[in-house]
Amino acid sequence: KVQGGLRKSQGDKNIAIIDVSDYNVQQIKQLMARRTEIINQVMQLPDMMQRHILITTYLNCESFEEARYTLGIGKDKYYTIKRKGIESLDRMICR
C-alpha cells in the first residue's frame, strides 16, 4: 500500500470539478465569440462564391475533401476559389 500526497475531501474534489467546468464554459464562450467575429469578416468579402467556400471549408466541414464533396465542385476550381478567398480576406484584414 502506497500513501502520499495530500488527501482531499469530497467537497474539495467537487469544488475542483466546478472550477474546471466554469473555466471550460468561459473558454467556450470566448471561442463562440471568436467564431462570430471570423464569420463577420468572411461575410464582408465581395465575392459570394469565396464566402461560401470559406464558410463551408472552415466552419462546416472537417477536411478540404469533405468541403469539396459538400459543395459539389471540382478540385482545381475549389482550390483556386479558396486561395483567392483567403487572399481577399488577408487584404481586407491587413488594410
C-alpha atoms as a PDB file:
ATOM      1  CA  LYS A   1       0.000   0.000   0.000  1.00  0.00           C
ATOM      2  CA  VAL A   2       1.441   3.329  -1.060  1.00  0.00           C
ATOM      3  CA  GLN A   3       0.455   6.538   0.659  1.00  0.00           C
ATOM      4  CA  GLY A   4       1.479  10.053  -0.076  1.00  0.00           C
ATOM      5  CA  GLY A   5       0.322  13.354  -1.360  1.00  0.00           C
ATOM      6  CA  LEU A   6      -2.413  15.491   0.040  1.00  0.00           C
ATOM      7  CA  ARG A   7      -5.709  13.986   0.995  1.00  0.00           C
ATOM      8  CA  LYS A   8      -8.713  15.791  -0.373  1.00  0.00           C
ATOM      9  CA  SER A   9     -12.199  15.692   0.962  1.00  0.00           C
ATOM     10  CA  GLN A  10     -15.109  15.026  -1.377  1.00  0.00           C
ATOM     11  CA  GLY A  11     -16.042  18.708  -1.046  1.00  0.00           C
ATOM     12  CA  ASP A  12     -12.580  19.749  -2.271  1.00  0.00           C
ATOM     13  CA  LYS A  13     -12.915  17.377  -5.228  1.00  0.00           C
ATOM     14  CA  ASN A  14     -16.355  18.772  -6.101  1.00  0.00           C
ATOM     15  CA  ILE A  15     -15.092  22.355  -5.935  1.00  0.00           C
ATOM     16  CA  ALA A  16     -12.193  21.471  -8.231  1.00  0.00           C
ATOM     17  CA  ILE A  17     -14.647  19.970 -10.742  1.00  0.00           C
ATOM     18  CA  ILE A  18     -16.852  23.073 -10.612  1.00  0.00           C
ATOM     19  CA  ASP A  19     -13.813  25.325 -11.133  1.00  0.00           C
ATOM     20  CA  VAL A  20     -12.775  23.337 -14.208  1.00  0.00           C
ATOM     21  CA  SER A  21     -16.345  23.419 -15.520  1.00  0.00           C
ATOM     22  CA  ASP A  22     -16.565  27.201 -15.072  1.00  0.00           C
ATOM     23  CA  TYR A  23     -13.247  27.606 -16.884  1.00  0.00           C
ATOM     24  CA  ASN A  24     -14.433  25.408 -19.757  1.00  0.00           C
ATOM     25  CA  VAL A  25     -17.713  27.314 -20.070  1.00  0.00           C
ATOM     26  CA  GLN A  26     -15.780  30.610 -20.233  1.00  0.00           C
ATOM     27  CA  GLN A  27     -13.435  29.185 -22.902  1.00  0.00           C
ATOM     28  CA  ILE A  28     -16.406  28.014 -24.967  1.00  0.00           C
ATOM     29  CA  LYS A  29     -17.989  31.472 -24.765  1.00  0.00           C
ATOM     30  CA  GLN A  30     -14.736  33.078 -25.947  1.00  0.00           C
ATOM     31  CA  LEU A  31     -14.421  30.620 -28.826  1.00  0.00           C
ATOM     32  CA  MET A  32     -18.023  31.213 -29.896  1.00  0.00           C
ATOM     33  CA  ALA A  33     -17.439  34.977 -29.862  1.00  0.00           C
ATOM     34  CA  ARG A  34     -14.283  34.498 -31.955  1.00  0.00           C
ATOM     35  CA  ARG A  35     -16.187  32.268 -34.393  1.00  0.00           C
ATOM     36  CA  THR A  36     -18.780  35.030 -34.815  1.00  0.00           C
ATOM     37  CA  GLU A  37     -16.028  37.586 -35.488  1.00  0.00           C
ATOM     38  CA  ILE A  38     -14.498  35.338 -38.152  1.00  0.00           C
ATOM     39  CA  ILE A  39     -17.866  34.760 -39.830  1.00  0.00           C
ATOM     40  CA  ASN A  40     -18.493  38.514 -39.892  1.00  0.00           C
ATOM     41  CA  GLN A  41     -15.108  39.112 -41.532  1.00  0.00           C
ATOM     42  CA  VAL A  42     -15.691  36.407 -44.152  1.00  0.00           C
ATOM     43  CA  MET A  43     -19.186  37.728 -44.908  1.00  0.00           C
ATOM     44  CA  GLN A  44     -17.659  41.091 -45.871  1.00  0.00           C
ATOM     45  CA  LEU A  45     -15.919  39.535 -48.885  1.00  0.00           C
ATOM     46  CA  PRO A  46     -17.460  40.856 -52.104  1.00  0.00           C
ATOM     47  CA  ASP A  47     -17.375  37.507 -53.950  1.00  0.00           C
ATOM     48  CA  MET A  48     -20.262  35.241 -52.908  1.00  0.00           C
ATOM     49  CA  MET A  49     -18.532  32.025 -54.046  1.00  0.00           C
ATOM     50  CA  GLN A  50     -15.417  32.829 -51.997  1.00  0.00           C
ATOM     51  CA  ARG A  51     -17.583  33.465 -48.941  1.00  0.00           C
ATOM     52  CA  HIS A  52     -19.485  30.234 -49.454  1.00  0.00           C
ATOM     53  CA  ILE A  53     -16.329  28.137 -49.890  1.00  0.00           C
ATOM     54  CA  LEU A  54     -14.539  29.633 -46.871  1.00  0.00           C
ATOM     55  CA  ILE A  55     -17.549  29.250 -44.579  1.00  0.00           C
ATOM     56  CA  THR A  56     -18.158  25.680 -45.725  1.00  0.00           C
ATOM     57  CA  THR A  57     -14.490  24.716 -45.520  1.00  0.00           C
ATOM     58  CA  TYR A  58     -13.542  26.174 -42.180  1.00  0.00           C
ATOM     59  CA  LEU A  59     -16.796  26.158 -40.227  1.00  0.00           C
ATOM     60  CA  ASN A  60     -18.917  23.306 -41.529  1.00  0.00           C
ATOM     61  CA  CYS A  61     -16.509  20.584 -42.659  1.00  0.00           C
ATOM     62  CA  GLU A  62     -13.716  18.504 -41.173  1.00  0.00           C
ATOM     63  CA  SER A  63     -11.468  18.442 -44.263  1.00  0.00           C
ATOM     64  CA  PHE A  64     -10.944  20.060 -47.644  1.00  0.00           C
ATOM     65  CA  GLU A  65     -12.158  16.886 -49.349  1.00  0.00           C
ATOM     66  CA  GLU A  66     -15.388  16.900 -47.357  1.00  0.00           C
ATOM     67  CA  ALA A  67     -15.904  20.573 -48.227  1.00  0.00           C
ATOM     68  CA  ARG A  68     -15.348  19.874 -51.934  1.00  0.00           C
ATOM     69  CA  TYR A  69     -17.809  16.993 -51.808  1.00  0.00           C
ATOM     70  CA  THR A  70     -20.368  19.096 -49.914  1.00  0.00           C
ATOM     71  CA  LEU A  71     -20.027  21.957 -52.386  1.00  0.00           C
ATOM     72  CA  GLY A  72     -20.055  19.619 -55.392  1.00  0.00           C
ATOM     73  CA  ILE A  73     -17.241  21.331 -57.273  1.00  0.00           C
ATOM     74  CA  GLY A  74     -14.039  20.085 -58.873  1.00  0.00           C
ATOM     75  CA  LYS A  75     -10.684  20.000 -57.174  1.00  0.00           C
ATOM     76  CA  ASP A  76      -8.983  22.698 -59.280  1.00  0.00           C
ATOM     77  CA  LYS A  77     -11.909  25.116 -59.089  1.00  0.00           C
ATOM     78  CA  TYR A  78     -12.274  24.568 -55.332  1.00  0.00           C
ATOM     79  CA  TYR A  79      -8.628  25.246 -54.532  1.00  0.00           C
ATOM     80  CA  THR A  80      -8.460  28.241 -56.880  1.00  0.00           C
ATOM     81  CA  ILE A  81     -11.514  29.927 -55.338  1.00  0.00           C
ATOM     82  CA  LYS A  82     -10.385  29.038 -51.802  1.00  0.00           C
ATOM     83  CA  ARG A  83      -6.943  30.545 -52.445  1.00  0.00           C
ATOM     84  CA  LYS A  84      -8.460  33.717 -53.897  1.00  0.00           C
ATOM     85  CA  GLY A  85     -10.860  33.941 -50.945  1.00  0.00           C
ATOM     86  CA  ILE A  86      -8.019  33.667 -48.448  1.00  0.00           C
ATOM     87  CA  GLU A  87      -6.022  36.296 -50.346  1.00  0.00           C
ATOM     88  CA  SER A  88      -9.031  38.644 -50.423  1.00  0.00           C
ATOM     89  CA  LEU A  89      -9.662  38.118 -46.724  1.00  0.00           C
ATOM     90  CA  ASP A  90      -5.998  38.766 -45.968  1.00  0.00           C
ATOM     91  CA  ARG A  91      -6.012  42.009 -47.988  1.00  0.00           C
ATOM     92  CA  MET A  92      -9.205  43.136 -46.275  1.00  0.00           C
ATOM     93  CA  ILE A  93      -7.887  42.434 -42.764  1.00  0.00           C
ATOM     94  CA  CYS A  94      -4.434  43.935 -43.362  1.00  0.00           C
ATOM     95  CA  ARG A  95      -5.695  47.288 -44.678  1.00  0.00           C
END
